[in-house]
Amino acid sequence: MKTLADRIKSLRLQNETQSQFAVRLNTTQASISRYLNGRQPDRETLIKIAQKTGVSLDWLLTGSSGPDLTGRNDSELLQAALAYVGDLDGVSGKEKSKLLGLIRDLVENKDLRKELLSIWEGGRKK
């Protein structure tokens, strides 16, 4: 994504309105509208957006790195994963919906997540 506004926009959840997004970020809908139209938030707001959506400040500002997921709880991981699904190019809306469901299942079901990770680890060793 080329601009800060694009990256902020990508952090909205599927079907989330600007007003709902603003509530999630603890700001106003008018502020969100300004950011999506190219006005840069102040430093404190940028930090708050990154923290509340689970992305790194570096990615938010430059788009040059992926999300910083170290030390994140399940809710923050879910928010970060959902934000990135919206950024997938060449994936249909139906496929994105399936991915969102899978992500939610993995975050909410720790046993399923452990099983999947063990399968992935087994595949890497072969």
N, C-alpha and C. Protein backbone atom coordinates (compact mmCIF):
# COMPACT_ATOMS: atom_id res chain seq x y z
N MET A 1 0.84 -1.17 0.00
CA MET A 1 0.00 0.00 0.00
C MET A 1 0.88 1.24 0.00
N LYS A 2 0.52 2.17 -0.81
CA LYS A 2 1.38 3.30 -1.05
C LYS A 2 1.32 4.39 0.00
N THR A 3 0.16 4.63 0.57
CA THR A 3 0.02 5.78 1.46
C THR A 3 -0.40 5.36 2.86
N LEU A 4 -0.17 6.25 3.80
CA LEU A 4 -0.63 6.04 5.17
C LEU A 4 -2.14 5.85 5.19
N ALA A 5 -2.85 6.64 4.41
CA ALA A 5 -4.31 6.52 4.36
C ALA A 5 -4.72 5.12 3.90
N ASP A 6 -4.02 4.56 2.91
CA ASP A 6 -4.30 3.20 2.43
C ASP A 6 -4.09 2.18 3.55
N ARG A 7 -2.99 2.36 4.29
CA ARG A 7 -2.69 1.41 5.37
C ARG A 7 -3.72 1.52 6.49
N ILE A 8 -4.11 2.74 6.84
CA ILE A 8 -5.14 2.91 7.88
C ILE A 8 -6.44 2.27 7.40
N LYS A 9 -6.79 2.51 6.15
CA LYS A 9 -8.03 1.95 5.61
C LYS A 9 -8.01 0.42 5.67
N SER A 10 -6.85 -0.18 5.42
CA SER A 10 -6.75 -1.64 5.42
C SER A 10 -6.94 -2.24 6.82
N LEU A 11 -6.85 -1.41 7.85
CA LEU A 11 -7.00 -1.90 9.22
C LEU A 11 -8.45 -2.05 9.65
N ARG A 12 -9.36 -1.52 8.84
CA ARG A 12 -10.79 -1.69 9.16
C ARG A 12 -11.17 -3.14 8.94
N LEU A 13 -12.00 -3.66 9.82
CA LEU A 13 -12.50 -5.01 9.69
C LEU A 13 -13.52 -5.08 8.57
N GLN A 14 -13.75 -6.27 8.07
CA GLN A 14 -14.72 -6.45 7.00
C GLN A 14 -16.08 -5.95 7.47
N ASN A 15 -16.71 -5.13 6.67
CA ASN A 15 -18.02 -4.53 6.94
C ASN A 15 -18.02 -3.56 8.12
N GLU A 16 -16.87 -3.14 8.59
CA GLU A 16 -16.80 -2.19 9.70
C GLU A 16 -16.95 -0.77 9.13
N THR A 17 -17.87 -0.01 9.69
CA THR A 17 -18.08 1.37 9.24
C THR A 17 -16.99 2.26 9.81
N GLN A 18 -16.88 3.46 9.26
CA GLN A 18 -15.93 4.43 9.81
C GLN A 18 -16.25 4.72 11.27
N SER A 19 -17.52 4.81 11.61
CA SER A 19 -17.92 5.08 12.99
C SER A 19 -17.51 3.95 13.92
N GLN A 20 -17.72 2.71 13.48
CA GLN A 20 -17.32 1.56 14.30
C GLN A 20 -15.80 1.50 14.44
N PHE A 21 -15.12 1.79 13.35
CA PHE A 21 -13.65 1.82 13.37
C PHE A 21 -13.17 2.88 14.36
N ALA A 22 -13.80 4.02 14.33
CA ALA A 22 -13.44 5.11 15.24
C ALA A 22 -13.63 4.69 16.70
N VAL A 23 -14.74 4.03 17.00
CA VAL A 23 -14.98 3.56 18.36
C VAL A 23 -13.90 2.58 18.77
N ARG A 24 -13.53 1.65 17.86
CA ARG A 24 -12.49 0.66 18.16
C ARG A 24 -11.15 1.34 18.45
N LEU A 25 -10.89 2.46 17.77
CA LEU A 25 -9.63 3.18 17.96
C LEU A 25 -9.72 4.26 19.02
N ASN A 26 -10.90 4.41 19.61
CA ASN A 26 -11.12 5.41 20.65
C ASN A 26 -10.85 6.83 20.13
N THR A 27 -11.43 7.11 18.97
CA THR A 27 -11.31 8.44 18.37
C THR A 27 -12.66 8.78 17.73
N THR A 28 -12.71 9.86 16.98
CA THR A 28 -13.98 10.26 16.36
C THR A 28 -14.05 9.81 14.91
N GLN A 29 -15.26 9.72 14.41
CA GLN A 29 -15.46 9.37 13.01
C GLN A 29 -14.89 10.47 12.12
N ALA A 30 -15.00 11.70 12.54
CA ALA A 30 -14.45 12.82 11.76
C ALA A 30 -12.93 12.70 11.63
N SER A 31 -12.27 12.28 12.71
CA SER A 31 -10.82 12.08 12.64
C SER A 31 -10.47 10.97 11.67
N ILE A 32 -11.20 9.86 11.75
CA ILE A 32 -10.95 8.75 10.82
C ILE A 32 -11.14 9.22 9.39
N SER A 33 -12.18 9.97 9.13
CA SER A 33 -12.43 10.49 7.79
C SER A 33 -11.26 11.34 7.30
N ARG A 34 -10.75 12.20 8.17
CA ARG A 34 -9.60 13.04 7.79
C ARG A 34 -8.38 12.17 7.46
N TYR A 35 -8.12 11.14 8.28
CA TYR A 35 -6.95 10.27 8.04
C TYR A 35 -7.10 9.51 6.73
N LEU A 36 -8.31 9.06 6.43
CA LEU A 36 -8.54 8.31 5.20
C LEU A 36 -8.50 9.21 3.97
N ASN A 37 -8.63 10.52 4.19
CA ASN A 37 -8.53 11.48 3.09
C ASN A 37 -7.17 12.14 3.00
N GLY A 38 -6.17 11.56 3.71
CA GLY A 38 -4.80 12.01 3.53
C GLY A 38 -4.19 12.84 4.63
N ARG A 39 -4.96 13.26 5.63
CA ARG A 39 -4.37 14.03 6.72
C ARG A 39 -3.65 13.08 7.67
N GLN A 40 -2.42 13.43 8.03
CA GLN A 40 -1.63 12.55 8.89
C GLN A 40 -1.99 12.77 10.37
N PRO A 41 -2.25 11.66 11.08
CA PRO A 41 -2.50 11.78 12.53
C PRO A 41 -1.25 12.24 13.26
N ASP A 42 -1.43 12.79 14.46
CA ASP A 42 -0.27 13.16 15.26
C ASP A 42 0.41 11.90 15.79
N ARG A 43 1.58 12.07 16.38
CA ARG A 43 2.39 10.94 16.85
C ARG A 43 1.64 10.04 17.82
N GLU A 44 0.97 10.63 18.80
CA GLU A 44 0.26 9.85 19.81
C GLU A 44 -0.86 9.02 19.17
N THR A 45 -1.54 9.60 18.20
CA THR A 45 -2.62 8.89 17.52
C THR A 45 -2.07 7.74 16.68
N LEU A 46 -0.95 7.97 16.00
CA LEU A 46 -0.32 6.90 15.23
C LEU A 46 0.04 5.72 16.14
N ILE A 47 0.59 6.03 17.29
CA ILE A 47 0.96 4.97 18.25
C ILE A 47 -0.29 4.23 18.70
N LYS A 48 -1.35 4.97 19.00
CA LYS A 48 -2.61 4.35 19.45
C LYS A 48 -3.20 3.46 18.36
N ILE A 49 -3.17 3.91 17.11
CA ILE A 49 -3.70 3.12 16.00
C ILE A 49 -2.91 1.81 15.88
N ALA A 50 -1.59 1.92 15.93
CA ALA A 50 -0.75 0.72 15.82
C ALA A 50 -1.03 -0.25 16.96
N GLN A 51 -1.12 0.25 18.17
CA GLN A 51 -1.36 -0.61 19.33
C GLN A 51 -2.73 -1.27 19.26
N LYS A 52 -3.74 -0.52 18.92
CA LYS A 52 -5.11 -1.06 18.93
C LYS A 52 -5.39 -2.01 17.78
N THR A 53 -4.59 -1.95 16.71
CA THR A 53 -4.82 -2.83 15.57
C THR A 53 -3.78 -3.94 15.45
N GLY A 54 -2.75 -3.90 16.28
CA GLY A 54 -1.76 -4.98 16.29
C GLY A 54 -0.73 -4.92 15.18
N VAL A 55 -0.52 -3.74 14.60
CA VAL A 55 0.51 -3.60 13.57
C VAL A 55 1.68 -2.80 14.16
N SER A 56 2.82 -2.90 13.49
CA SER A 56 3.96 -2.13 13.97
C SER A 56 3.83 -0.68 13.52
N LEU A 57 4.40 0.21 14.29
CA LEU A 57 4.40 1.62 13.93
C LEU A 57 5.18 1.82 12.63
N ASP A 58 6.24 1.04 12.45
CA ASP A 58 7.03 1.12 11.22
C ASP A 58 6.17 0.79 10.00
N TRP A 59 5.38 -0.30 10.08
CA TRP A 59 4.51 -0.65 8.96
C TRP A 59 3.49 0.44 8.72
N LEU A 60 2.90 0.94 9.80
CA LEU A 60 1.86 1.96 9.66
C LEU A 60 2.42 3.20 8.95
N LEU A 61 3.61 3.60 9.31
CA LEU A 61 4.21 4.81 8.72
C LEU A 61 4.78 4.59 7.33
N THR A 62 5.41 3.43 7.09
CA THR A 62 6.14 3.25 5.84
C THR A 62 5.63 2.11 4.97
N GLY A 63 4.93 1.17 5.57
CA GLY A 63 4.49 0.00 4.83
C GLY A 63 5.62 -0.97 4.55
N SER A 64 6.79 -0.75 5.17
CA SER A 64 7.97 -1.53 4.81
C SER A 64 8.17 -2.81 5.60
N SER A 65 7.39 -3.04 6.62
CA SER A 65 7.57 -4.29 7.36
C SER A 65 6.20 -4.85 7.72
N GLY A 66 6.18 -6.11 8.08
CA GLY A 66 4.94 -6.75 8.47
C GLY A 66 4.55 -6.36 9.88
N PRO A 67 3.47 -6.95 10.36
CA PRO A 67 3.03 -6.63 11.71
C PRO A 67 4.00 -7.12 12.76
N ASP A 68 4.11 -6.40 13.84
CA ASP A 68 4.92 -6.81 14.98
C ASP A 68 4.00 -7.58 15.92
N LEU A 69 4.09 -8.91 15.87
CA LEU A 69 3.16 -9.73 16.63
C LEU A 69 3.75 -10.26 17.94
N THR A 70 4.95 -9.83 18.28
CA THR A 70 5.54 -10.32 19.51
C THR A 70 4.81 -9.76 20.71
N GLY A 71 4.51 -10.62 21.65
CA GLY A 71 3.87 -10.20 22.88
C GLY A 71 2.41 -9.82 22.74
N ARG A 72 1.76 -10.19 21.65
CA ARG A 72 0.36 -9.83 21.43
C ARG A 72 -0.56 -10.90 22.03
N ASN A 73 -1.71 -10.48 22.54
CA ASN A 73 -2.68 -11.45 23.03
C ASN A 73 -3.55 -11.92 21.86
N ASP A 74 -4.43 -12.90 22.11
CA ASP A 74 -5.23 -13.47 21.04
C ASP A 74 -6.08 -12.43 20.33
N SER A 75 -6.68 -11.52 21.06
CA SER A 75 -7.52 -10.50 20.46
C SER A 75 -6.72 -9.61 19.51
N GLU A 76 -5.52 -9.22 19.94
CA GLU A 76 -4.67 -8.38 19.09
C GLU A 76 -4.20 -9.14 17.86
N LEU A 77 -3.87 -10.43 18.03
CA LEU A 77 -3.47 -11.24 16.88
C LEU A 77 -4.61 -11.36 15.88
N LEU A 78 -5.81 -11.55 16.38
CA LEU A 78 -6.97 -11.64 15.51
C LEU A 78 -7.16 -10.34 14.73
N GLN A 79 -7.08 -9.22 15.40
CA GLN A 79 -7.25 -7.92 14.73
C GLN A 79 -6.19 -7.73 13.64
N ALA A 80 -4.94 -8.09 13.94
CA ALA A 80 -3.86 -7.95 12.96
C ALA A 80 -4.10 -8.86 11.76
N ALA A 81 -4.46 -10.11 12.02
CA ALA A 81 -4.69 -11.05 10.93
C ALA A 81 -5.85 -10.61 10.05
N LEU A 82 -6.92 -10.18 10.66
CA LEU A 82 -8.08 -9.75 9.89
C LEU A 82 -7.76 -8.54 9.02
N ALA A 83 -6.94 -7.65 9.55
CA ALA A 83 -6.56 -6.46 8.78
C ALA A 83 -5.79 -6.84 7.52
N TYR A 84 -4.92 -7.83 7.63
CA TYR A 84 -4.10 -8.20 6.49
C TYR A 84 -4.85 -9.01 5.45
N VAL A 85 -5.89 -9.71 5.84
CA VAL A 85 -6.70 -10.43 4.85
C VAL A 85 -7.30 -9.43 3.86
N GLY A 86 -7.72 -8.29 4.34
CA GLY A 86 -8.28 -7.27 3.46
C GLY A 86 -7.30 -6.74 2.44
N ASP A 87 -6.01 -6.94 2.67
CA ASP A 87 -4.97 -6.42 1.79
C ASP A 87 -4.54 -7.44 0.73
N LEU A 88 -5.15 -8.61 0.71
CA LEU A 88 -4.75 -9.64 -0.25
C LEU A 88 -5.25 -9.30 -1.65
N ASP A 89 -4.33 -9.25 -2.60
CA ASP A 89 -4.69 -8.99 -3.98
C ASP A 89 -5.03 -10.31 -4.67
N GLY A 90 -5.97 -10.30 -5.58
CA GLY A 90 -6.30 -11.48 -6.37
C GLY A 90 -7.10 -12.53 -5.62
N VAL A 91 -7.67 -12.16 -4.47
CA VAL A 91 -8.47 -13.10 -3.69
C VAL A 91 -9.91 -12.60 -3.69
N SER A 92 -10.83 -13.48 -4.05
CA SER A 92 -12.24 -13.08 -4.15
C SER A 92 -12.83 -12.82 -2.77
N GLY A 93 -13.95 -12.13 -2.75
CA GLY A 93 -14.65 -11.86 -1.49
C GLY A 93 -15.04 -13.14 -0.78
N LYS A 94 -15.47 -14.14 -1.53
CA LYS A 94 -15.85 -15.43 -0.95
C LYS A 94 -14.64 -16.11 -0.31
N GLU A 95 -13.50 -16.08 -0.99
CA GLU A 95 -12.28 -16.67 -0.45
C GLU A 95 -11.82 -15.92 0.80
N LYS A 96 -11.94 -14.58 0.78
CA LYS A 96 -11.57 -13.79 1.95
C LYS A 96 -12.46 -14.15 3.14
N SER A 97 -13.74 -14.36 2.89
CA SER A 97 -14.65 -14.75 3.97
C SER A 97 -14.23 -16.08 4.59
N LYS A 98 -13.85 -17.03 3.75
CA LYS A 98 -13.37 -18.32 4.25
C LYS A 98 -12.11 -18.15 5.08
N LEU A 99 -11.19 -17.32 4.58
CA LEU A 99 -9.95 -17.06 5.33
C LEU A 99 -10.24 -16.41 6.68
N LEU A 100 -11.15 -15.46 6.69
CA LEU A 100 -11.51 -14.79 7.95
C LEU A 100 -12.07 -15.79 8.94
N GLY A 101 -12.91 -16.72 8.48
CA GLY A 101 -13.46 -17.75 9.35
C GLY A 101 -12.37 -18.65 9.90
N LEU A 102 -11.43 -19.04 9.05
CA LEU A 102 -10.32 -19.88 9.50
C LEU A 102 -9.47 -19.16 10.54
N ILE A 103 -9.18 -17.91 10.29
CA ILE A 103 -8.37 -17.12 11.24
C ILE A 103 -9.08 -17.04 12.59
N ARG A 104 -10.36 -16.74 12.57
CA ARG A 104 -11.11 -16.65 13.83
C ARG A 104 -11.08 -17.99 14.58
N ASP A 105 -11.27 -19.09 13.84
CA ASP A 105 -11.23 -20.41 14.46
C ASP A 105 -9.87 -20.69 15.09
N LEU A 106 -8.81 -20.34 14.38
CA LEU A 106 -7.47 -20.61 14.89
C LEU A 106 -7.15 -19.78 16.12
N VAL A 107 -7.58 -18.54 16.12
CA VAL A 107 -7.30 -17.68 17.28
C VAL A 107 -8.13 -18.12 18.48
N GLU A 108 -9.37 -18.47 18.26
CA GLU A 108 -10.26 -18.81 19.37
C GLU A 108 -10.08 -20.23 19.88
N ASN A 109 -9.54 -21.14 19.07
CA ASN A 109 -9.40 -22.54 19.46
C ASN A 109 -7.91 -22.89 19.58
N LYS A 110 -7.41 -22.83 20.79
CA LYS A 110 -5.97 -23.05 21.02
C LYS A 110 -5.53 -24.46 20.63
N ASP A 111 -6.40 -25.47 20.85
CA ASP A 111 -6.05 -26.85 20.47
C ASP A 111 -5.89 -26.98 18.97
N LEU A 112 -6.81 -26.38 18.22
CA LEU A 112 -6.72 -26.41 16.77
C LEU A 112 -5.46 -25.69 16.30
N ARG A 113 -5.14 -24.58 16.92
CA ARG A 113 -3.94 -23.82 16.57
C ARG A 113 -2.69 -24.66 16.82
N LYS A 114 -2.62 -25.35 17.97
CA LYS A 114 -1.46 -26.20 18.28
C LYS A 114 -1.33 -27.33 17.27
N GLU A 115 -2.46 -27.93 16.90
CA GLU A 115 -2.45 -29.02 15.92
C GLU A 115 -1.94 -28.53 14.58
N LEU A 116 -2.42 -27.38 14.13
CA LEU A 116 -1.98 -26.84 12.86
C LEU A 116 -0.49 -26.50 12.89
N LEU A 117 -0.03 -25.89 13.97
CA LEU A 117 1.39 -25.55 14.08
C LEU A 117 2.26 -26.81 14.07
N SER A 118 1.81 -27.88 14.71
CA SER A 118 2.60 -29.12 14.72
C SER A 118 2.65 -29.72 13.31
N ILE A 119 1.55 -29.60 12.56
CA ILE A 119 1.55 -30.09 11.17
C ILE A 119 2.54 -29.28 10.34
N TRP A 120 2.50 -27.96 10.50
CA TRP A 120 3.42 -27.10 9.76
C TRP A 120 4.87 -27.41 10.11
N GLU A 121 5.14 -27.57 11.40
CA GLU A 121 6.51 -27.87 11.84
C GLU A 121 6.96 -29.21 11.27
N GLY A 122 6.08 -30.21 11.25
CA GLY A 122 6.39 -31.52 10.69
C GLY A 122 6.71 -31.43 9.20
N GLY A 123 5.97 -30.59 8.49
CA GLY A 123 6.19 -30.41 7.06
C GLY A 123 7.51 -29.74 6.76
N ARG A 124 7.95 -28.88 7.64
CA ARG A 124 9.24 -28.17 7.42
C ARG A 124 10.42 -29.10 7.59
N LYS A 125 10.29 -30.09 8.49
CA LYS A 125 11.39 -31.00 8.79
C LYS A 125 11.64 -32.00 7.68
N LYS A 126 10.64 -32.26 6.86
CA LYS A 126 10.78 -33.28 5.79
C LYS A 126 11.57 -32.76 4.63
